[in-house]
Amino acid sequence: MLFGFWVIPTMFVLGALVAWAGDRIGRAVGRGRLSLLGLRPKYTSVVVAVLTGGLIALGTVLGVAAISQDARTALFGMEKIRQTIASLESDRQIRSEELRKLQATLSYSRSDLTKTQQQLALAHESIRQLDQHIAQLTQNQAELERTNAQLQASAKAAQKEIAELADERKTLLAQKSALEKQRASLQSQIAQLTDRMGNLQQYSSRLFGDLYKYFVDFREGNVAIKAGEPLVYGVATPQRGKEWVRQFLEYLLKWAAQEAQRRGAAPNADGNILLLNVLSIESQNGAQPPTPRILSLDEILDRVTAAIMSRPDVSSVVVQIYSVANSLQGEPASVDFSLIVNRRLFQAGQQLLSVTVDGRQSEAAVFETLYAAVSRRLEELAREQGLLLPAHGAAFDLDQVFSAMNRVAQIKGPARVDVQAAADIWTAGPIRLGFVVAPSQ
């Protein structure tokens, strides 16, 4: 409210001053019948009135921008705010999808636990009934033995009946033993499901805690490495063998850790500055439901090594370590591997683009035209053919651009600049260019 009390009077005074000055100038032009740029006095006064109106609008905008930080943000920083919001929305959707998968697994485990508990209750009831039946049979056996003592004449029939009951007792005892084993197996399954549910709850709690802290820190602007941003990359040669590829991956991880620390990441309590833990949902020996398991660093490196060695027809592979999520200042960076076949995109001497430049322009204008054309072409190659460009600094030698600029200036007229590959250009680079300058026909 206090800001409005200052802005409105200030804008009013600025507009009034410019209008007054324009009126005074217009009157002076009308009385003196002055002429501007050879125009008639009548049109000169119109030009003065138009310029006065433009100055009022310009003065108003500049005044608001000078006084208000919010106005400067609305005029010049809105696109950056939209990009930040889009990045936050994309990351929120990824986290929501992970949470949905975890909740589905937890629901499946709870449903299976309920079924198992129902089966266990039925087993307990069967065992109780069998115990009652065995007790009843024992009582019947005692009564038969007393009857046998009293009825010697019917001893054979009684003994036969006792033998049959004994066989039935053995069968029931065997059934009881089998049910007891089944009961122990069900109890073991219940314990395993309880452990799985506890692990899922711990993981879910940790995930919610990390997400909450992540969004709080992200809102405060403490992002060190953005999601999808590459840290380092190198070229692996499968022909050198599995052991060499494994050592190359370990070296690349050390390099990525140094790069992440340089950008503001820091190790966690375990001393890890890179987080490569992957949650794997696996089913062992056909057991249901699948068991969540965190892969170790050795398992991850073994899988990446196997993926690189699986293509014997590929001579080299670009291994890139990139950030899978926004990493905050002072925290470890969550990263993953990306494998790209290293292909030869251009042979030495092959033309990349041709641009016409006027040598009569200033050197700055010629340099800007050449630099923009080459940069734009390299960005097109990065999108269309997967050319890897460095994350920081120029992708090509700027001295060559300056040299081409000087040759264009010497022509002093329209010049054609052909940009060629000075050496073979592969997916992983390097990018060496040559500039051929000739007068334009």
Protein backbone atom coordinates (compact mmCIF):
# COMPACT_ATOMS: atom_id res chain seq x y z
CA MET A 1 0.00 0.00 0.00
CA LEU A 2 2.88 2.40 0.90
CA PHE A 3 4.53 1.58 -2.43
CA GLY A 4 1.33 2.68 -4.28
CA PHE A 5 1.33 6.04 -2.47
CA TRP A 6 4.80 6.74 -3.93
CA VAL A 7 4.31 5.24 -7.38
CA ILE A 8 1.03 6.96 -8.32
CA PRO A 9 2.13 10.53 -7.47
CA THR A 10 5.51 9.94 -9.08
CA MET A 11 3.92 8.68 -12.31
CA PHE A 12 1.47 11.59 -12.25
CA VAL A 13 4.28 14.14 -11.84
CA LEU A 14 6.43 12.51 -14.58
CA GLY A 15 3.49 12.39 -17.03
CA ALA A 16 2.50 15.97 -16.22
CA LEU A 17 6.07 17.25 -16.68
CA VAL A 18 6.50 15.49 -20.02
CA ALA A 19 3.03 16.66 -21.20
CA TRP A 20 3.79 20.23 -20.10
CA ALA A 21 7.17 20.15 -21.87
CA GLY A 22 5.54 18.73 -25.00
CA ASP A 23 2.85 21.39 -24.92
CA ARG A 24 5.43 24.14 -24.53
CA ILE A 25 7.52 22.75 -27.38
CA GLY A 26 4.42 22.32 -29.57
CA ARG A 27 3.35 25.92 -28.95
CA ALA A 28 6.86 27.17 -29.69
CA VAL A 29 6.88 25.16 -32.93
CA GLY A 30 3.42 26.44 -33.89
CA ARG A 31 4.18 30.12 -33.13
CA GLY A 32 7.60 30.09 -34.73
CA ARG A 33 6.38 27.88 -37.63
CA LEU A 34 9.47 25.76 -37.15
CA SER A 35 10.26 22.84 -39.46
CA LEU A 36 11.79 19.47 -38.46
CA LEU A 37 13.68 17.38 -41.05
CA GLY A 38 12.17 19.44 -43.83
CA LEU A 39 8.55 18.80 -42.77
CA ARG A 40 5.85 21.45 -42.86
CA PRO A 41 5.18 23.22 -39.52
CA LYS A 42 1.80 21.55 -39.25
CA TYR A 43 3.37 18.06 -39.48
CA THR A 44 6.24 19.11 -37.24
CA SER A 45 3.76 19.91 -34.43
CA VAL A 46 2.14 16.47 -34.99
CA VAL A 47 5.56 14.76 -34.67
CA VAL A 48 6.22 16.70 -31.43
CA ALA A 49 2.83 15.62 -30.04
CA VAL A 50 3.49 11.95 -30.96
CA LEU A 51 6.97 12.03 -29.40
CA THR A 52 5.50 13.61 -26.27
CA GLY A 53 2.96 10.79 -25.91
CA GLY A 54 5.69 8.18 -26.46
CA LEU A 55 7.90 9.86 -23.84
CA ILE A 56 5.02 9.82 -21.37
CA ALA A 57 4.54 6.03 -21.86
CA LEU A 58 8.29 5.36 -21.81
CA GLY A 59 8.80 7.53 -18.71
CA THR A 60 5.94 5.72 -16.95
CA VAL A 61 7.36 2.24 -17.71
CA LEU A 62 10.93 3.22 -16.80
CA GLY A 63 9.75 4.90 -13.61
CA VAL A 64 7.79 1.84 -12.51
CA ALA A 65 10.76 -0.42 -13.39
CA ALA A 66 13.18 1.82 -11.47
CA ILE A 67 11.01 1.90 -8.35
CA SER A 68 9.58 -1.66 -8.27
CA GLN A 69 11.58 -4.89 -8.23
CA ASP A 70 8.31 -6.77 -8.99
CA ALA A 71 7.80 -4.65 -12.13
CA ARG A 72 11.32 -5.43 -13.36
CA THR A 73 10.68 -9.10 -12.71
CA ALA A 74 7.37 -8.99 -14.64
CA LEU A 75 9.03 -7.22 -17.59
CA PHE A 76 12.28 -9.15 -17.90
CA GLY A 77 12.22 -12.31 -15.76
CA MET A 78 8.87 -13.96 -16.53
CA GLU A 79 10.29 -16.57 -18.98
CA LYS A 80 12.84 -17.78 -16.41
CA ILE A 81 10.07 -18.15 -13.81
CA ARG A 82 7.98 -20.20 -16.31
CA GLN A 83 10.93 -22.51 -17.02
CA THR A 84 11.49 -23.04 -13.29
CA ILE A 85 7.79 -23.86 -12.77
CA ALA A 86 7.87 -26.34 -15.72
CA SER A 87 10.97 -28.06 -14.26
CA LEU A 88 9.30 -28.30 -10.83
CA GLU A 89 6.13 -29.75 -12.35
CA SER A 90 8.11 -32.40 -14.30
CA ASP A 91 10.02 -33.45 -11.19
CA ARG A 92 6.79 -33.57 -9.14
CA GLN A 93 5.22 -35.92 -11.70
CA ILE A 94 8.28 -38.25 -11.56
CA ARG A 95 8.10 -38.38 -7.74
CA SER A 96 4.34 -38.97 -7.84
CA GLU A 97 4.80 -41.90 -10.26
CA GLU A 98 7.43 -43.47 -7.97
CA LEU A 99 5.13 -43.07 -4.97
CA ARG A 100 2.23 -44.62 -6.90
CA LYS A 101 4.33 -47.70 -7.74
CA LEU A 102 5.41 -48.10 -4.12
CA GLN A 103 1.83 -47.77 -2.90
CA ALA A 104 0.69 -50.42 -5.43
CA THR A 105 3.39 -52.84 -4.18
CA LEU A 106 2.44 -52.15 -0.55
CA SER A 107 -1.26 -52.73 -1.30
CA TYR A 108 -0.42 -56.03 -3.02
CA SER A 109 1.65 -57.15 0.01
CA ARG A 110 -1.14 -56.23 2.43
CA SER A 111 -3.68 -58.18 0.37
CA ASP A 112 -1.41 -61.24 0.31
CA LEU A 113 -0.86 -60.92 4.08
CA THR A 114 -4.63 -60.87 4.67
CA LYS A 115 -5.08 -64.03 2.59
CA THR A 116 -2.24 -65.75 4.46
CA GLN A 117 -3.74 -64.82 7.84
CA GLN A 118 -7.08 -66.26 6.72
CA GLN A 119 -5.37 -69.50 5.66
CA LEU A 120 -3.55 -69.63 9.00
CA ALA A 121 -6.83 -69.20 10.90
CA LEU A 122 -8.32 -72.11 8.92
CA ALA A 123 -5.23 -74.22 9.68
CA HIS A 124 -5.54 -73.44 13.42
CA GLU A 125 -9.20 -74.49 13.34
CA SER A 126 -8.32 -77.76 11.56
CA ILE A 127 -5.61 -78.55 14.12
CA ARG A 128 -8.02 -77.87 17.00
CA GLN A 129 -10.59 -80.20 15.49
CA LEU A 130 -7.95 -82.87 14.96
CA ASP A 131 -6.82 -82.56 18.59
CA GLN A 132 -10.40 -83.01 19.72
CA HIS A 133 -10.75 -86.01 17.40
CA ILE A 134 -7.53 -87.55 18.74
CA ALA A 135 -8.69 -87.00 22.33
CA GLN A 136 -12.00 -88.64 21.49
CA LEU A 137 -10.18 -91.57 19.85
CA THR A 138 -7.98 -92.00 22.93
CA GLN A 139 -11.08 -92.11 25.12
CA ASN A 140 -12.67 -94.62 22.76
CA GLN A 141 -9.53 -96.77 22.91
CA ALA A 142 -9.68 -96.84 26.73
CA GLU A 143 -13.31 -97.85 26.64
CA LEU A 144 -12.50 -100.58 24.10
CA GLU A 145 -9.72 -101.92 26.34
CA ARG A 146 -12.14 -102.15 29.30
CA THR A 147 -14.69 -103.82 27.05
CA ASN A 148 -11.98 -106.29 25.90
CA ALA A 149 -11.27 -107.27 29.51
CA GLN A 150 -14.96 -107.81 30.16
CA LEU A 151 -15.74 -109.53 26.84
CA GLN A 152 -13.09 -112.20 26.23
CA ALA A 153 -15.36 -113.89 23.75
CA SER A 154 -15.29 -110.89 21.41
CA ALA A 155 -11.50 -110.28 21.76
CA LYS A 156 -10.70 -110.90 18.09
CA ALA A 157 -13.32 -108.46 16.88
CA ALA A 158 -12.23 -105.86 19.42
CA GLN A 159 -8.55 -106.29 18.53
CA LYS A 160 -9.39 -105.85 14.84
CA GLU A 161 -11.30 -102.69 15.61
CA ILE A 162 -8.43 -101.44 17.78
CA ALA A 163 -5.97 -102.10 14.94
CA GLU A 164 -8.18 -100.15 12.55
CA LEU A 165 -8.45 -97.29 15.01
CA ALA A 166 -4.67 -97.36 15.51
CA ASP A 167 -4.17 -97.09 11.77
CA GLU A 168 -6.63 -94.22 11.66
CA ARG A 169 -4.76 -92.61 14.56
CA LYS A 170 -1.49 -92.89 12.68
CA THR A 171 -3.10 -91.34 9.63
CA LEU A 172 -4.47 -88.50 11.72
CA LEU A 173 -1.11 -88.01 13.41
CA ALA A 174 0.55 -87.85 9.99
CA GLN A 175 -2.05 -85.31 8.90
CA LYS A 176 -1.42 -83.33 12.09
CA SER A 177 2.33 -83.34 11.42
CA ALA A 178 1.77 -82.16 7.85
CA LEU A 179 -0.55 -79.40 9.08
CA GLU A 180 2.01 -78.35 11.70
CA LYS A 181 4.66 -78.09 8.96
CA GLN A 182 2.23 -76.08 6.84
CA ARG A 183 1.56 -73.88 9.87
CA ALA A 184 5.30 -73.27 10.35
CA SER A 185 5.65 -72.47 6.65
CA LEU A 186 2.76 -70.00 6.84
CA GLN A 187 4.27 -68.38 9.93
CA SER A 188 7.58 -68.03 8.06
CA GLN A 189 5.78 -66.43 5.11
CA ILE A 190 3.99 -64.08 7.50
CA ALA A 191 7.35 -63.06 9.01
CA GLN A 192 8.80 -62.46 5.53
CA LEU A 193 5.78 -60.40 4.48
CA THR A 194 6.01 -58.42 7.73
CA ASP A 195 9.69 -57.69 7.03
CA ARG A 196 8.85 -56.66 3.45
CA MET A 197 6.06 -54.39 4.64
CA GLY A 198 8.40 -52.85 7.22
CA ASN A 199 11.06 -52.26 4.55
CA LEU A 200 8.48 -50.66 2.25
CA GLN A 201 7.20 -48.45 5.06
CA GLN A 202 10.77 -47.37 5.93
CA TYR A 203 11.52 -46.66 2.29
CA SER A 204 8.24 -44.77 1.87
CA SER A 205 8.91 -42.71 5.02
CA ARG A 206 12.44 -41.93 3.89
CA LEU A 207 11.14 -41.00 0.42
CA PHE A 208 8.52 -38.65 1.86
CA GLY A 209 11.14 -37.07 4.13
CA ASP A 210 13.56 -36.59 1.24
CA LEU A 211 10.79 -35.18 -0.97
CA TYR A 212 9.72 -32.70 1.70
CA LYS A 213 13.27 -31.51 2.32
CA TYR A 214 13.91 -31.42 -1.42
CA PHE A 215 10.91 -29.16 -2.14
CA VAL A 216 11.73 -26.87 0.80
CA ASP A 217 15.34 -26.45 -0.33
CA PHE A 218 14.30 -26.12 -3.97
CA ARG A 219 11.90 -23.30 -3.17
CA GLU A 220 14.81 -21.52 -1.45
CA GLY A 221 16.83 -21.73 -4.67
CA ASN A 222 19.63 -24.06 -3.44
CA VAL A 223 19.82 -26.23 -6.58
CA ALA A 224 23.42 -27.17 -7.44
CA ILE A 225 22.82 -29.55 -10.39
CA LYS A 226 19.60 -29.62 -12.42
CA ALA A 227 17.81 -32.79 -13.50
CA GLY A 228 19.07 -34.15 -16.83
CA GLU A 229 22.27 -32.07 -16.69
CA PRO A 230 25.36 -34.11 -17.73
CA LEU A 231 28.33 -34.16 -15.37
CA VAL A 232 31.00 -35.96 -17.41
CA TYR A 233 31.28 -38.31 -20.35
CA GLY A 234 33.95 -40.47 -21.97
CA VAL A 235 34.41 -42.99 -24.76
CA ALA A 236 34.64 -46.70 -23.85
CA THR A 237 36.18 -49.25 -26.22
CA PRO A 238 34.64 -52.74 -25.75
CA GLN A 239 37.47 -54.36 -27.76
CA ARG A 240 39.87 -53.70 -24.86
CA GLY A 241 38.07 -56.22 -22.72
CA LYS A 242 35.62 -56.40 -19.84
CA GLU A 243 38.20 -55.59 -17.16
CA TRP A 244 39.30 -52.41 -18.96
CA VAL A 245 35.68 -51.26 -19.37
CA ARG A 246 35.03 -51.84 -15.66
CA GLN A 247 38.10 -49.79 -14.67
CA PHE A 248 37.03 -47.06 -17.12
CA LEU A 249 33.59 -46.83 -15.44
CA GLU A 250 35.21 -46.55 -12.00
CA TYR A 251 37.47 -43.73 -13.28
CA LEU A 252 34.46 -41.96 -14.82
CA LEU A 253 32.62 -42.14 -11.47
CA LYS A 254 35.59 -40.55 -9.66
CA TRP A 255 35.68 -37.79 -12.26
CA ALA A 256 31.91 -37.24 -11.93
CA ALA A 257 32.27 -37.02 -8.12
CA GLN A 258 34.90 -34.31 -8.51
CA GLU A 259 32.71 -32.41 -10.98
CA ALA A 260 29.64 -32.69 -8.70
CA GLN A 261 31.66 -31.39 -5.74
CA ARG A 262 32.92 -28.51 -7.86
CA ARG A 263 29.32 -27.53 -8.64
CA GLY A 264 28.31 -27.50 -4.96
CA ALA A 265 27.35 -31.09 -4.09
CA ALA A 266 28.70 -32.63 -0.86
CA PRO A 267 29.06 -36.20 0.50
CA ASN A 268 26.43 -37.72 2.78
CA ALA A 269 26.99 -39.40 6.17
CA ASP A 270 28.44 -42.48 4.41
CA GLY A 271 30.94 -40.36 2.48
CA ASN A 272 29.21 -40.82 -0.90
CA ILE A 273 28.95 -37.72 -3.09
CA LEU A 274 27.18 -39.67 -5.90
CA LEU A 275 24.01 -41.71 -5.31
CA LEU A 276 23.71 -44.63 -7.75
CA ASN A 277 21.39 -46.81 -5.65
CA VAL A 278 18.68 -48.33 -7.83
CA LEU A 279 15.50 -49.92 -6.46
CA SER A 280 15.05 -53.24 -8.29
CA ILE A 281 11.70 -55.08 -8.09
CA GLU A 282 12.62 -58.74 -8.48
CA SER A 283 10.90 -62.10 -8.10
CA GLN A 284 13.10 -64.91 -6.79
CA ASN A 285 12.25 -68.58 -7.46
CA GLY A 286 8.78 -67.59 -8.69
CA ALA A 287 7.83 -66.16 -5.28
CA GLN A 288 5.00 -63.66 -5.14
CA PRO A 289 4.88 -60.76 -4.56
CA PRO A 290 8.15 -59.38 -6.02
CA THR A 291 10.76 -58.28 -3.49
CA PRO A 292 12.16 -54.70 -3.63
CA ARG A 293 15.94 -54.64 -3.42
CA ILE A 294 18.57 -51.87 -3.61
CA LEU A 295 21.32 -52.70 -6.10
CA SER A 296 24.91 -52.31 -4.87
CA LEU A 297 27.54 -50.28 -6.72
CA ASP A 298 29.24 -53.48 -7.95
CA GLU A 299 25.95 -54.80 -9.36
CA ILE A 300 25.29 -51.50 -11.16
CA LEU A 301 28.80 -51.43 -12.65
CA ASP A 302 28.46 -55.09 -13.69
CA ARG A 303 25.18 -54.34 -15.50
CA VAL A 304 26.59 -51.27 -17.27
CA THR A 305 29.71 -53.23 -18.26
CA ALA A 306 27.56 -56.08 -19.62
CA ALA A 307 25.47 -53.58 -21.63
CA ILE A 308 28.63 -52.08 -23.19
CA MET A 309 30.09 -55.52 -24.00
CA SER A 310 26.80 -56.81 -25.46
CA ARG A 311 27.41 -55.08 -28.83
CA PRO A 312 30.57 -56.59 -30.38
CA ASP A 313 29.80 -54.75 -33.64
CA VAL A 314 30.18 -51.34 -31.94
CA SER A 315 33.76 -50.03 -31.84
CA SER A 316 33.19 -47.34 -29.17
CA VAL A 317 30.44 -46.25 -26.79
CA VAL A 318 29.95 -42.82 -25.21
CA VAL A 319 29.35 -43.32 -21.47
CA GLN A 320 27.65 -40.29 -19.92
CA ILE A 321 26.96 -39.72 -16.22
CA TYR A 322 24.05 -37.32 -15.78
CA SER A 323 21.86 -36.05 -12.95
CA VAL A 324 18.50 -37.85 -12.67
CA ALA A 325 17.00 -35.22 -10.35
CA ASN A 326 17.67 -31.71 -9.13
CA SER A 327 20.57 -31.93 -6.63
CA LEU A 328 20.72 -29.39 -3.82
CA GLN A 329 23.71 -27.48 -2.48
CA GLY A 330 25.54 -29.44 0.22
CA GLU A 331 23.89 -32.79 -0.63
CA PRO A 332 24.97 -35.77 -2.78
CA ALA A 333 23.94 -35.86 -6.44
CA SER A 334 21.59 -38.59 -7.73
CA VAL A 335 23.07 -39.80 -11.03
CA ASP A 336 22.76 -42.58 -13.58
CA PHE A 337 24.60 -43.89 -16.64
CA SER A 338 23.63 -43.15 -20.25
CA LEU A 339 25.11 -45.19 -23.11
CA ILE A 340 25.31 -43.76 -26.64
CA VAL A 341 26.90 -45.41 -29.67
CA ASN A 342 29.87 -43.26 -30.75
CA ARG A 343 29.25 -42.75 -34.48
CA ARG A 344 31.21 -40.76 -37.03
CA LEU A 345 28.89 -37.91 -38.00
CA PHE A 346 31.15 -36.06 -40.49
CA GLN A 347 34.32 -36.97 -42.35
CA ALA A 348 37.27 -34.62 -42.62
CA GLY A 349 36.60 -32.03 -45.34
CA GLN A 350 32.83 -32.54 -45.31
CA GLN A 351 30.87 -29.27 -45.33
CA LEU A 352 28.65 -28.46 -42.36
CA LEU A 353 27.11 -25.18 -43.49
CA SER A 354 27.55 -22.13 -45.71
CA VAL A 355 26.77 -18.55 -44.73
CA THR A 356 26.98 -15.22 -46.59
CA VAL A 357 28.37 -12.24 -44.66
CA ASP A 358 28.80 -8.59 -45.69
CA GLY A 359 32.45 -7.61 -45.15
CA ARG A 360 31.49 -3.93 -44.99
CA GLN A 361 29.85 -4.48 -41.61
CA SER A 362 31.72 -3.96 -38.35
CA GLU A 363 34.02 -6.71 -37.12
CA ALA A 364 31.72 -7.29 -34.16
CA ALA A 365 28.73 -7.80 -36.46
CA VAL A 366 30.68 -10.22 -38.71
CA PHE A 367 31.94 -12.19 -35.70
CA GLU A 368 28.46 -12.37 -34.19
CA THR A 369 26.98 -13.62 -37.49
CA LEU A 370 29.60 -16.36 -37.91
CA TYR A 371 29.50 -17.44 -34.26
CA ALA A 372 25.69 -17.57 -34.21
CA ALA A 373 25.52 -19.59 -37.46
CA VAL A 374 28.06 -22.20 -36.28
CA SER A 375 26.54 -22.47 -32.79
CA ARG A 376 23.05 -22.88 -34.23
CA ARG A 377 24.25 -25.61 -36.61
CA LEU A 378 25.99 -27.51 -33.81
CA GLU A 379 22.85 -27.32 -31.67
CA GLU A 380 20.85 -28.77 -34.58
CA LEU A 381 23.34 -31.64 -34.83
CA ALA A 382 23.05 -32.21 -31.09
CA ARG A 383 19.26 -32.52 -31.36
CA GLU A 384 19.08 -34.49 -34.62
CA GLN A 385 22.16 -36.75 -34.54
CA GLY A 386 23.12 -36.84 -30.84
CA LEU A 387 26.32 -34.76 -31.05
CA LEU A 388 27.58 -34.15 -27.50
CA LEU A 389 28.41 -30.52 -26.77
CA PRO A 390 30.42 -29.42 -23.73
CA ALA A 391 28.32 -28.23 -20.81
CA HIS A 392 30.50 -25.13 -20.29
CA GLY A 393 32.58 -23.08 -22.74
CA ALA A 394 32.65 -22.96 -26.52
CA ALA A 395 32.32 -26.16 -28.51
CA PHE A 396 34.84 -25.01 -31.15
CA ASP A 397 37.98 -22.88 -31.45
CA LEU A 398 37.09 -19.17 -31.40
CA ASP A 399 40.47 -18.21 -32.91
CA GLN A 400 39.31 -19.74 -36.18
CA VAL A 401 36.20 -17.54 -36.09
CA PHE A 402 38.37 -14.44 -35.55
CA SER A 403 40.61 -15.50 -38.45
CA ALA A 404 37.59 -15.96 -40.73
CA MET A 405 36.25 -12.57 -39.58
CA ASN A 406 39.51 -10.87 -40.63
CA ARG A 407 39.42 -12.53 -44.08
CA VAL A 408 35.81 -11.42 -44.58
CA ALA A 409 36.77 -7.85 -43.65
CA GLN A 410 39.56 -7.90 -46.27
CA ILE A 411 37.05 -8.70 -49.03
CA LYS A 412 35.13 -5.49 -48.22
CA GLY A 413 31.93 -6.80 -49.68
CA PRO A 414 29.62 -9.81 -49.64
CA ALA A 415 31.61 -12.94 -48.77
CA ARG A 416 30.69 -16.61 -48.66
CA VAL A 417 32.00 -18.59 -45.67
CA ASP A 418 31.95 -22.41 -45.95
CA VAL A 419 32.39 -24.21 -42.60
CA GLN A 420 33.92 -27.68 -42.98
CA ALA A 421 35.04 -30.47 -40.66
CA ALA A 422 38.81 -30.11 -40.22
CA ALA A 423 38.92 -33.68 -38.87
CA ASP A 424 36.44 -36.53 -38.44
CA ILE A 425 33.66 -35.46 -36.05
CA TRP A 426 32.26 -38.23 -33.83
CA THR A 427 29.33 -38.24 -31.43
CA ALA A 428 31.67 -37.53 -28.50
CA GLY A 429 33.73 -34.96 -30.43
CA PRO A 430 36.16 -33.32 -30.62
CA ILE A 431 34.81 -30.62 -32.95
CA ARG A 432 37.56 -29.21 -35.21
CA LEU A 433 36.33 -26.82 -37.90
CA GLY A 434 37.82 -25.15 -40.94
CA PHE A 435 36.59 -21.89 -42.51
CA VAL A 436 36.87 -21.27 -46.28
CA VAL A 437 36.24 -17.61 -47.19
CA ALA A 438 35.64 -16.42 -50.76
CA PRO A 439 33.89 -13.45 -52.43
CA SER A 440 30.19 -14.07 -52.91
CA GLN A 441 29.10 -14.35 -56.57
